[in-house]
Amino acid sequence: MQNSLNQLEQLEALLEREHVWPGEYRFKFIVKRADLEYATSILGQEGLSIRESESGKYVSLTIIKVMQSSKDVIAVYKKASVIPGLIAL
């Protein structure tokens, strides 16, 4: 858990340096197809596009949202972290 917290802190610092707020941010996640409904219940449908893997076992979620700050972006990543097997890109 400590390692992922450090990564989020590093991401937040990078976003502060490199991004203009408020601004559009693109989230990309990969989840198991079986967890799609759970993932969308947590992440919402706004700005969401879904693409299935060739095998149909996984889905790629792209979510484009206008975020107010880097802290808001980090909050979404923390919220998403409860999704089983989530891969954040």
PDB file of N, CA and C in Angstrom:
ATOM      1  N   MET A   1       0.826  -1.198   0.000  1.00  0.00           N
ATOM      2  CA  MET A   1       0.000   0.000   0.000  1.00  0.00           C
ATOM      3  C   MET A   1       0.868   1.258   0.000  1.00  0.00           C
ATOM      4  N   GLN A   2       1.955   1.261   0.760  1.00  0.00           N
ATOM      5  CA  GLN A   2       2.824   2.425   0.829  1.00  0.00           C
ATOM      6  C   GLN A   2       3.384   2.781  -0.547  1.00  0.00           C
ATOM      7  N   ASN A   3       3.764   1.758  -1.321  1.00  0.00           N
ATOM      8  CA  ASN A   3       4.304   1.985  -2.654  1.00  0.00           C
ATOM      9  C   ASN A   3       3.289   2.691  -3.548  1.00  0.00           C
ATOM     10  N   SER A   4       2.028   2.259  -3.502  1.00  0.00           N
ATOM     11  CA  SER A   4       1.015   2.897  -4.344  1.00  0.00           C
ATOM     12  C   SER A   4       0.736   4.329  -3.882  1.00  0.00           C
ATOM     13  N   LEU A   5       0.855   4.585  -2.569  1.00  0.00           N
ATOM     14  CA  LEU A   5       0.689   5.957  -2.089  1.00  0.00           C
ATOM     15  C   LEU A   5       1.811   6.850  -2.608  1.00  0.00           C
ATOM     16  N   ASN A   6       3.033   6.345  -2.619  1.00  0.00           N
ATOM     17  CA  ASN A   6       4.156   7.105  -3.170  1.00  0.00           C
ATOM     18  C   ASN A   6       3.946   7.388  -4.652  1.00  0.00           C
ATOM     19  N   GLN A   7       3.449   6.409  -5.381  1.00  0.00           N
ATOM     20  CA  GLN A   7       3.192   6.598  -6.805  1.00  0.00           C
ATOM     21  C   GLN A   7       2.132   7.670  -7.021  1.00  0.00           C
ATOM     22  N   LEU A   8       1.092   7.665  -6.200  1.00  0.00           N
ATOM     23  CA  LEU A   8       0.054   8.686  -6.330  1.00  0.00           C
ATOM     24  C   LEU A   8       0.594  10.070  -5.990  1.00  0.00           C
ATOM     25  N   GLU A   9       1.447  10.154  -4.984  1.00  0.00           N
ATOM     26  CA  GLU A   9       2.057  11.444  -4.643  1.00  0.00           C
ATOM     27  C   GLU A   9       2.934  11.943  -5.785  1.00  0.00           C
ATOM     28  N   GLN A  10       3.685  11.038  -6.405  1.00  0.00           N
ATOM     29  CA  GLN A  10       4.535  11.418  -7.543  1.00  0.00           C
ATOM     30  C   GLN A  10       3.675  11.857  -8.723  1.00  0.00           C
ATOM     31  N   LEU A  11       2.573  11.141  -8.957  1.00  0.00           N
ATOM     32  CA  LEU A  11       1.668  11.520 -10.046  1.00  0.00           C
ATOM     33  C   LEU A  11       1.068  12.896  -9.782  1.00  0.00           C
ATOM     34  N   GLU A  12       0.652  13.136  -8.551  1.00  0.00           N
ATOM     35  CA  GLU A  12       0.071  14.435  -8.216  1.00  0.00           C
ATOM     36  C   GLU A  12       1.071  15.566  -8.471  1.00  0.00           C
ATOM     37  N   ALA A  13       2.322  15.375  -8.058  1.00  0.00           N
ATOM     38  CA  ALA A  13       3.355  16.391  -8.286  1.00  0.00           C
ATOM     39  C   ALA A  13       3.578  16.613  -9.781  1.00  0.00           C
ATOM     40  N   LEU A  14       3.613  15.544 -10.555  1.00  0.00           N
ATOM     41  CA  LEU A  14       3.782  15.643 -12.007  1.00  0.00           C
ATOM     42  C   LEU A  14       2.611  16.387 -12.641  1.00  0.00           C
ATOM     43  N   LEU A  15       1.403  16.057 -12.217  1.00  0.00           N
ATOM     44  CA  LEU A  15       0.226  16.735 -12.758  1.00  0.00           C
ATOM     45  C   LEU A  15       0.242  18.225 -12.439  1.00  0.00           C
ATOM     46  N   GLU A  16       0.705  18.566 -11.257  1.00  0.00           N
ATOM     47  CA  GLU A  16       0.791  19.985 -10.880  1.00  0.00           C
ATOM     48  C   GLU A  16       1.769  20.735 -11.782  1.00  0.00           C
ATOM     49  N   ARG A  17       2.878  20.080 -12.131  1.00  0.00           N
ATOM     50  CA  ARG A  17       3.885  20.725 -12.980  1.00  0.00           C
ATOM     51  C   ARG A  17       3.467  20.781 -14.452  1.00  0.00           C
ATOM     52  N   GLU A  18       2.800  19.729 -14.930  1.00  0.00           N
ATOM     53  CA  GLU A  18       2.617  19.552 -16.370  1.00  0.00           C
ATOM     54  C   GLU A  18       1.216  19.851 -16.897  1.00  0.00           C
ATOM     55  N   HIS A  19       0.241  20.025 -16.040  1.00  0.00           N
ATOM     56  CA  HIS A  19      -1.141  20.156 -16.499  1.00  0.00           C
ATOM     57  C   HIS A  19      -1.713  21.503 -16.077  1.00  0.00           C
ATOM     58  N   VAL A  20      -2.621  22.016 -16.858  1.00  0.00           N
ATOM     59  CA  VAL A  20      -3.303  23.275 -16.549  1.00  0.00           C
ATOM     60  C   VAL A  20      -4.685  22.932 -15.997  1.00  0.00           C
ATOM     61  N   TRP A  21      -4.984  23.488 -14.817  1.00  0.00           N
ATOM     62  CA  TRP A  21      -6.268  23.213 -14.157  1.00  0.00           C
ATOM     63  C   TRP A  21      -7.134  24.457 -14.146  1.00  0.00           C
ATOM     64  N   PRO A  22      -8.438  24.330 -14.248  1.00  0.00           N
ATOM     65  CA  PRO A  22      -9.158  23.103 -14.574  1.00  0.00           C
ATOM     66  C   PRO A  22      -8.874  22.695 -16.012  1.00  0.00           C
ATOM     67  N   GLY A  23      -9.028  21.402 -16.247  1.00  0.00           N
ATOM     68  CA  GLY A  23      -8.767  20.904 -17.586  1.00  0.00           C
ATOM     69  C   GLY A  23      -9.256  19.483 -17.771  1.00  0.00           C
ATOM     70  N   GLU A  24      -9.295  19.095 -19.018  1.00  0.00           N
ATOM     71  CA  GLU A  24      -9.738  17.755 -19.377  1.00  0.00           C
ATOM     72  C   GLU A  24      -8.651  16.739 -19.024  1.00  0.00           C
ATOM     73  N   TYR A  25      -9.059  15.622 -18.454  1.00  0.00           N
ATOM     74  CA  TYR A  25      -8.115  14.557 -18.104  1.00  0.00           C
ATOM     75  C   TYR A  25      -8.668  13.228 -18.598  1.00  0.00           C
ATOM     76  N   ARG A  26      -7.788  12.418 -19.156  1.00  0.00           N
ATOM     77  CA  ARG A  26      -8.186  11.114 -19.708  1.00  0.00           C
ATOM     78  C   ARG A  26      -7.697  10.009 -18.778  1.00  0.00           C
ATOM     79  N   PHE A  27      -8.648   9.270 -18.213  1.00  0.00           N
ATOM     80  CA  PHE A  27      -8.347   8.107 -17.390  1.00  0.00           C
ATOM     81  C   PHE A  27      -8.453   6.867 -18.274  1.00  0.00           C
ATOM     82  N   LYS A  28      -7.520   5.922 -18.113  1.00  0.00           N
ATOM     83  CA  LYS A  28      -7.572   4.658 -18.840  1.00  0.00           C
ATOM     84  C   LYS A  28      -7.389   3.533 -17.836  1.00  0.00           C
ATOM     85  N   PHE A  29      -8.345   2.616 -17.847  1.00  0.00           N
ATOM     86  CA  PHE A  29      -8.317   1.473 -16.952  1.00  0.00           C
ATOM     87  C   PHE A  29      -8.613   0.210 -17.743  1.00  0.00           C
ATOM     88  N   ILE A  30      -8.101  -0.911 -17.244  1.00  0.00           N
ATOM     89  CA  ILE A  30      -8.453  -2.223 -17.786  1.00  0.00           C
ATOM     90  C   ILE A  30      -9.010  -3.032 -16.629  1.00  0.00           C
ATOM     91  N   VAL A  31     -10.164  -3.664 -16.860  1.00  0.00           N
ATOM     92  CA  VAL A  31     -10.790  -4.502 -15.846  1.00  0.00           C
ATOM     93  C   VAL A  31     -11.274  -5.794 -16.497  1.00  0.00           C
ATOM     94  N   LYS A  32     -11.501  -6.801 -15.671  1.00  0.00           N
ATOM     95  CA  LYS A  32     -12.100  -8.033 -16.174  1.00  0.00           C
ATOM     96  C   LYS A  32     -13.527  -7.740 -16.602  1.00  0.00           C
ATOM     97  N   ARG A  33     -13.953  -8.392 -17.659  1.00  0.00           N
ATOM     98  CA  ARG A  33     -15.316  -8.197 -18.181  1.00  0.00           C
ATOM     99  C   ARG A  33     -16.349  -8.405 -17.076  1.00  0.00           C
ATOM    100  N   ALA A  34     -16.098  -9.389 -16.214  1.00  0.00           N
ATOM    101  CA  ALA A  34     -17.028  -9.704 -15.134  1.00  0.00           C
ATOM    102  C   ALA A  34     -17.169  -8.554 -14.136  1.00  0.00           C
ATOM    103  N   ASP A  35     -16.185  -7.671 -14.062  1.00  0.00           N
ATOM    104  CA  ASP A  35     -16.214  -6.554 -13.113  1.00  0.00           C
ATOM    105  C   ASP A  35     -16.635  -5.233 -13.749  1.00  0.00           C
ATOM    106  N   LEU A  36     -17.068  -5.269 -14.994  1.00  0.00           N
ATOM    107  CA  LEU A  36     -17.425  -4.040 -15.709  1.00  0.00           C
ATOM    108  C   LEU A  36     -18.542  -3.278 -15.012  1.00  0.00           C
ATOM    109  N   GLU A  37     -19.599  -3.951 -14.635  1.00  0.00           N
ATOM    110  CA  GLU A  37     -20.730  -3.269 -14.004  1.00  0.00           C
ATOM    111  C   GLU A  37     -20.313  -2.623 -12.684  1.00  0.00           C
ATOM    112  N   TYR A  38     -19.522  -3.341 -11.904  1.00  0.00           N
ATOM    113  CA  TYR A  38     -19.028  -2.798 -10.639  1.00  0.00           C
ATOM    114  C   TYR A  38     -18.143  -1.575 -10.897  1.00  0.00           C
ATOM    115  N   ALA A  39     -17.268  -1.682 -11.878  1.00  0.00           N
ATOM    116  CA  ALA A  39     -16.369  -0.573 -12.205  1.00  0.00           C
ATOM    117  C   ALA A  39     -17.150   0.663 -12.629  1.00  0.00           C
ATOM    118  N   THR A  40     -18.147   0.490 -13.479  1.00  0.00           N
ATOM    119  CA  THR A  40     -18.919   1.654 -13.926  1.00  0.00           C
ATOM    120  C   THR A  40     -19.788   2.220 -12.814  1.00  0.00           C
ATOM    121  N   SER A  41     -20.184   1.379 -11.853  1.00  0.00           N
ATOM    122  CA  SER A  41     -20.952   1.909 -10.719  1.00  0.00           C
ATOM    123  C   SER A  41     -20.072   2.809  -9.852  1.00  0.00           C
ATOM    124  N   ILE A  42     -18.777   2.523  -9.805  1.00  0.00           N
ATOM    125  CA  ILE A  42     -17.844   3.334  -9.023  1.00  0.00           C
ATOM    126  C   ILE A  42     -17.385   4.561  -9.803  1.00  0.00           C
ATOM    127  N   LEU A  43     -17.060   4.360 -11.073  1.00  0.00           N
ATOM    128  CA  LEU A  43     -16.467   5.431 -11.876  1.00  0.00           C
ATOM    129  C   LEU A  43     -17.492   6.300 -12.583  1.00  0.00           C
ATOM    130  N   GLY A  44     -18.703   5.806 -12.763  1.00  0.00           N
ATOM    131  CA  GLY A  44     -19.742   6.562 -13.443  1.00  0.00           C
ATOM    132  C   GLY A  44     -19.724   6.350 -14.945  1.00  0.00           C
ATOM    133  N   GLN A  45     -20.722   6.878 -15.609  1.00  0.00           N
ATOM    134  CA  GLN A  45     -20.890   6.717 -17.047  1.00  0.00           C
ATOM    135  C   GLN A  45     -20.461   7.952 -17.838  1.00  0.00           C
ATOM    136  N   GLU A  46     -20.329   9.084 -17.160  1.00  0.00           N
ATOM    137  CA  GLU A  46     -20.003  10.336 -17.834  1.00  0.00           C
ATOM    138  C   GLU A  46     -18.648  10.261 -18.530  1.00  0.00           C
ATOM    139  N   GLY A  47     -18.631  10.540 -19.826  1.00  0.00           N
ATOM    140  CA  GLY A  47     -17.398  10.562 -20.597  1.00  0.00           C
ATOM    141  C   GLY A  47     -16.767   9.197 -20.802  1.00  0.00           C
ATOM    142  N   LEU A  48     -17.536   8.139 -20.616  1.00  0.00           N
ATOM    143  CA  LEU A  48     -17.019   6.771 -20.654  1.00  0.00           C
ATOM    144  C   LEU A  48     -17.125   6.150 -22.038  1.00  0.00           C
ATOM    145  N   SER A  49     -16.031   5.522 -22.480  1.00  0.00           N
ATOM    146  CA  SER A  49     -16.089   4.659 -23.663  1.00  0.00           C
ATOM    147  C   SER A  49     -15.469   3.325 -23.270  1.00  0.00           C
ATOM    148  N   ILE A  50     -16.035   2.257 -23.821  1.00  0.00           N
ATOM    149  CA  ILE A  50     -15.647   0.898 -23.450  1.00  0.00           C
ATOM    150  C   ILE A  50     -15.217   0.152 -24.706  1.00  0.00           C
ATOM    151  N   ARG A  51     -14.129  -0.600 -24.563  1.00  0.00           N
ATOM    152  CA  ARG A  51     -13.647  -1.424 -25.675  1.00  0.00           C
ATOM    153  C   ARG A  51     -13.272  -2.794 -25.132  1.00  0.00           C
ATOM    154  N   GLU A  52     -13.854  -3.831 -25.713  1.00  0.00           N
ATOM    155  CA  GLU A  52     -13.569  -5.199 -25.278  1.00  0.00           C
ATOM    156  C   GLU A  52     -12.271  -5.703 -25.875  1.00  0.00           C
ATOM    157  N   SER A  53     -11.604  -6.566 -25.110  1.00  0.00           N
ATOM    158  CA  SER A  53     -10.411  -7.226 -25.644  1.00  0.00           C
ATOM    159  C   SER A  53     -10.851  -8.238 -26.701  1.00  0.00           C
ATOM    160  N   GLU A  54      -9.905  -8.691 -27.471  1.00  0.00           N
ATOM    161  CA  GLU A  54     -10.209  -9.654 -28.525  1.00  0.00           C
ATOM    162  C   GLU A  54     -10.851 -10.923 -27.965  1.00  0.00           C
ATOM    163  N   SER A  55     -10.382 -11.370 -26.822  1.00  0.00           N
ATOM    164  CA  SER A  55     -10.921 -12.580 -26.205  1.00  0.00           C
ATOM    165  C   SER A  55     -12.236 -12.320 -25.475  1.00  0.00           C
ATOM    166  N   GLY A  56     -12.530 -11.056 -25.184  1.00  0.00           N
ATOM    167  CA  GLY A  56     -13.748 -10.718 -24.455  1.00  0.00           C
ATOM    168  C   GLY A  56     -13.610 -10.858 -22.953  1.00  0.00           C
ATOM    169  N   LYS A  57     -12.439 -11.254 -22.478  1.00  0.00           N
ATOM    170  CA  LYS A  57     -12.221 -11.461 -21.049  1.00  0.00           C
ATOM    171  C   LYS A  57     -11.999 -10.136 -20.310  1.00  0.00           C
ATOM    172  N   TYR A  58     -11.459  -9.146 -20.998  1.00  0.00           N
ATOM    173  CA  TYR A  58     -11.158  -7.845 -20.392  1.00  0.00           C
ATOM    174  C   TYR A  58     -11.821  -6.725 -21.173  1.00  0.00           C
ATOM    175  N   VAL A  59     -11.978  -5.589 -20.506  1.00  0.00           N
ATOM    176  CA  VAL A  59     -12.471  -4.390 -21.177  1.00  0.00           C
ATOM    177  C   VAL A  59     -11.576  -3.220 -20.813  1.00  0.00           C
ATOM    178  N   SER A  60     -11.410  -2.349 -21.764  1.00  0.00           N
ATOM    179  CA  SER A  60     -10.662  -1.118 -21.565  1.00  0.00           C
ATOM    180  C   SER A  60     -11.671   0.002 -21.360  1.00  0.00           C
ATOM    181  N   LEU A  61     -11.477   0.765 -20.312  1.00  0.00           N
ATOM    182  CA  LEU A  61     -12.353   1.895 -20.018  1.00  0.00           C
ATOM    183  C   LEU A  61     -11.560   3.179 -20.217  1.00  0.00           C
ATOM    184  N   THR A  62     -12.082   4.063 -21.020  1.00  0.00           N
ATOM    185  CA  THR A  62     -11.504   5.391 -21.174  1.00  0.00           C
ATOM    186  C   THR A  62     -12.550   6.377 -20.685  1.00  0.00           C
ATOM    187  N   ILE A  63     -12.145   7.220 -19.766  1.00  0.00           N
ATOM    188  CA  ILE A  63     -13.060   8.206 -19.193  1.00  0.00           C
ATOM    189  C   ILE A  63     -12.413   9.575 -19.344  1.00  0.00           C
ATOM    190  N   ILE A  64     -13.115  10.463 -20.006  1.00  0.00           N
ATOM    191  CA  ILE A  64     -12.616  11.826 -20.184  1.00  0.00           C
ATOM    192  C   ILE A  64     -13.501  12.753 -19.366  1.00  0.00           C
ATOM    193  N   LYS A  65     -12.866  13.437 -18.410  1.00  0.00           N
ATOM    194  CA  LYS A  65     -13.609  14.335 -17.524  1.00  0.00           C
ATOM    195  C   LYS A  65     -12.845  15.641 -17.373  1.00  0.00           C
ATOM    196  N   VAL A  66     -13.580  16.708 -17.140  1.00  0.00           N
ATOM    197  CA  VAL A  66     -12.956  17.979 -16.778  1.00  0.00           C
ATOM    198  C   VAL A  66     -12.719  17.930 -15.273  1.00  0.00           C
ATOM    199  N   MET A  67     -11.455  18.041 -14.914  1.00  0.00           N
ATOM    200  CA  MET A  67     -11.064  17.972 -13.506  1.00  0.00           C
ATOM    201  C   MET A  67     -10.620  19.364 -13.054  1.00  0.00           C
ATOM    202  N   GLN A  68     -10.856  19.652 -11.791  1.00  0.00           N
ATOM    203  CA  GLN A  68     -10.542  20.974 -11.253  1.00  0.00           C
ATOM    204  C   GLN A  68      -9.105  21.087 -10.756  1.00  0.00           C
ATOM    205  N   SER A  69      -8.509  19.946 -10.371  1.00  0.00           N
ATOM    206  CA  SER A  69      -7.154  19.985  -9.820  1.00  0.00           C
ATOM    207  C   SER A  69      -6.530  18.595  -9.864  1.00  0.00           C
ATOM    208  N   SER A  70      -5.244  18.541  -9.581  1.00  0.00           N
ATOM    209  CA  SER A  70      -4.560  17.252  -9.520  1.00  0.00           C
ATOM    210  C   SER A  70      -5.103  16.414  -8.362  1.00  0.00           C
ATOM    211  N   LYS A  71      -5.526  17.051  -7.294  1.00  0.00           N
ATOM    212  CA  LYS A  71      -6.108  16.328  -6.154  1.00  0.00           C
ATOM    213  C   LYS A  71      -7.385  15.599  -6.568  1.00  0.00           C
ATOM    214  N   ASP A  72      -8.174  16.200  -7.462  1.00  0.00           N
ATOM    215  CA  ASP A  72      -9.390  15.550  -7.961  1.00  0.00           C
ATOM    216  C   ASP A  72      -9.050  14.319  -8.788  1.00  0.00           C
ATOM    217  N   VAL A  73      -7.981  14.398  -9.574  1.00  0.00           N
ATOM    218  CA  VAL A  73      -7.533  13.249 -10.373  1.00  0.00           C
ATOM    219  C   VAL A  73      -7.115  12.113  -9.446  1.00  0.00           C
ATOM    220  N   ILE A  74      -6.335  12.426  -8.437  1.00  0.00           N
ATOM    221  CA  ILE A  74      -5.864  11.427  -7.486  1.00  0.00           C
ATOM    222  C   ILE A  74      -7.048  10.790  -6.763  1.00  0.00           C
ATOM    223  N   ALA A  75      -8.066  11.580  -6.459  1.00  0.00           N
ATOM    224  CA  ALA A  75      -9.256  11.052  -5.791  1.00  0.00           C
ATOM    225  C   ALA A  75      -9.946   9.990  -6.648  1.00  0.00           C
ATOM    226  N   VAL A  76      -9.969  10.187  -7.967  1.00  0.00           N
ATOM    227  CA  VAL A  76     -10.570   9.188  -8.861  1.00  0.00           C
ATOM    228  C   VAL A  76      -9.747   7.903  -8.844  1.00  0.00           C
ATOM    229  N   TYR A  77      -8.421   8.030  -8.887  1.00  0.00           N
ATOM    230  CA  TYR A  77      -7.566   6.836  -8.832  1.00  0.00           C
ATOM    231  C   TYR A  77      -7.751   6.079  -7.518  1.00  0.00           C
ATOM    232  N   LYS A  78      -7.873   6.800  -6.417  1.00  0.00           N
ATOM    233  CA  LYS A  78      -8.088   6.150  -5.125  1.00  0.00           C
ATOM    234  C   LYS A  78      -9.448   5.447  -5.096  1.00  0.00           C
ATOM    235  N   LYS A  79     -10.451   6.106  -5.643  1.00  0.00           N
ATOM    236  CA  LYS A  79     -11.793   5.528  -5.706  1.00  0.00           C
ATOM    237  C   LYS A  79     -11.780   4.243  -6.544  1.00  0.00           C
ATOM    238  N   ALA A  80     -11.044   4.271  -7.643  1.00  0.00           N
ATOM    239  CA  ALA A  80     -10.986   3.126  -8.555  1.00  0.00           C
ATOM    240  C   ALA A  80     -10.181   1.968  -7.980  1.00  0.00           C
ATOM    241  N   SER A  81      -9.328   2.241  -7.009  1.00  0.00           N
ATOM    242  CA  SER A  81      -8.431   1.213  -6.485  1.00  0.00           C
ATOM    243  C   SER A  81      -9.147   0.044  -5.816  1.00  0.00           C
ATOM    244  N   VAL A  82     -10.433   0.185  -5.515  1.00  0.00           N
ATOM    245  CA  VAL A  82     -11.186  -0.914  -4.887  1.00  0.00           C
ATOM    246  C   VAL A  82     -11.707  -1.921  -5.910  1.00  0.00           C
ATOM    247  N   ILE A  83     -11.568  -1.615  -7.189  1.00  0.00           N
ATOM    248  CA  ILE A  83     -12.056  -2.512  -8.243  1.00  0.00           C
ATOM    249  C   ILE A  83     -11.079  -3.683  -8.354  1.00  0.00           C
ATOM    250  N   PRO A  84     -11.573  -4.927  -8.219  1.00  0.00           N
ATOM    251  CA  PRO A  84     -10.684  -6.092  -8.263  1.00  0.00           C
ATOM    252  C   PRO A  84      -9.905  -6.183  -9.581  1.00  0.00           C
ATOM    253  N   GLY A  85      -8.614  -6.400  -9.480  1.00  0.00           N
ATOM    254  CA  GLY A  85      -7.784  -6.626 -10.662  1.00  0.00           C
ATOM    255  C   GLY A  85      -7.609  -5.429 -11.566  1.00  0.00           C
ATOM    256  N   LEU A  86      -7.956  -4.250 -11.105  1.00  0.00           N
ATOM    257  CA  LEU A  86      -7.869  -3.039 -11.921  1.00  0.00           C
ATOM    258  C   LEU A  86      -6.435  -2.772 -12.363  1.00  0.00           C
ATOM    259  N   ILE A  87      -6.286  -2.413 -13.634  1.00  0.00           N
ATOM    260  CA  ILE A  87      -5.008  -1.946 -14.153  1.00  0.00           C
ATOM    261  C   ILE A  87      -5.245  -0.507 -14.596  1.00  0.00           C
ATOM    262  N   ALA A  88      -4.514   0.424 -13.995  1.00  0.00           N
ATOM    263  CA  ALA A  88      -4.608   1.828 -14.368  1.00  0.00           C
ATOM    264  C   ALA A  88      -3.452   2.146 -15.296  1.00  0.00           C
ATOM    265  N   LEU A  89      -3.761   2.743 -16.428  1.00  0.00           N
ATOM    266  CA  LEU A  89      -2.713   3.090 -17.398  1.00  0.00           C
ATOM    267  C   LEU A  89      -2.442   4.579 -17.369  1.00  0.00           C
TER     268      LEU A  89
END
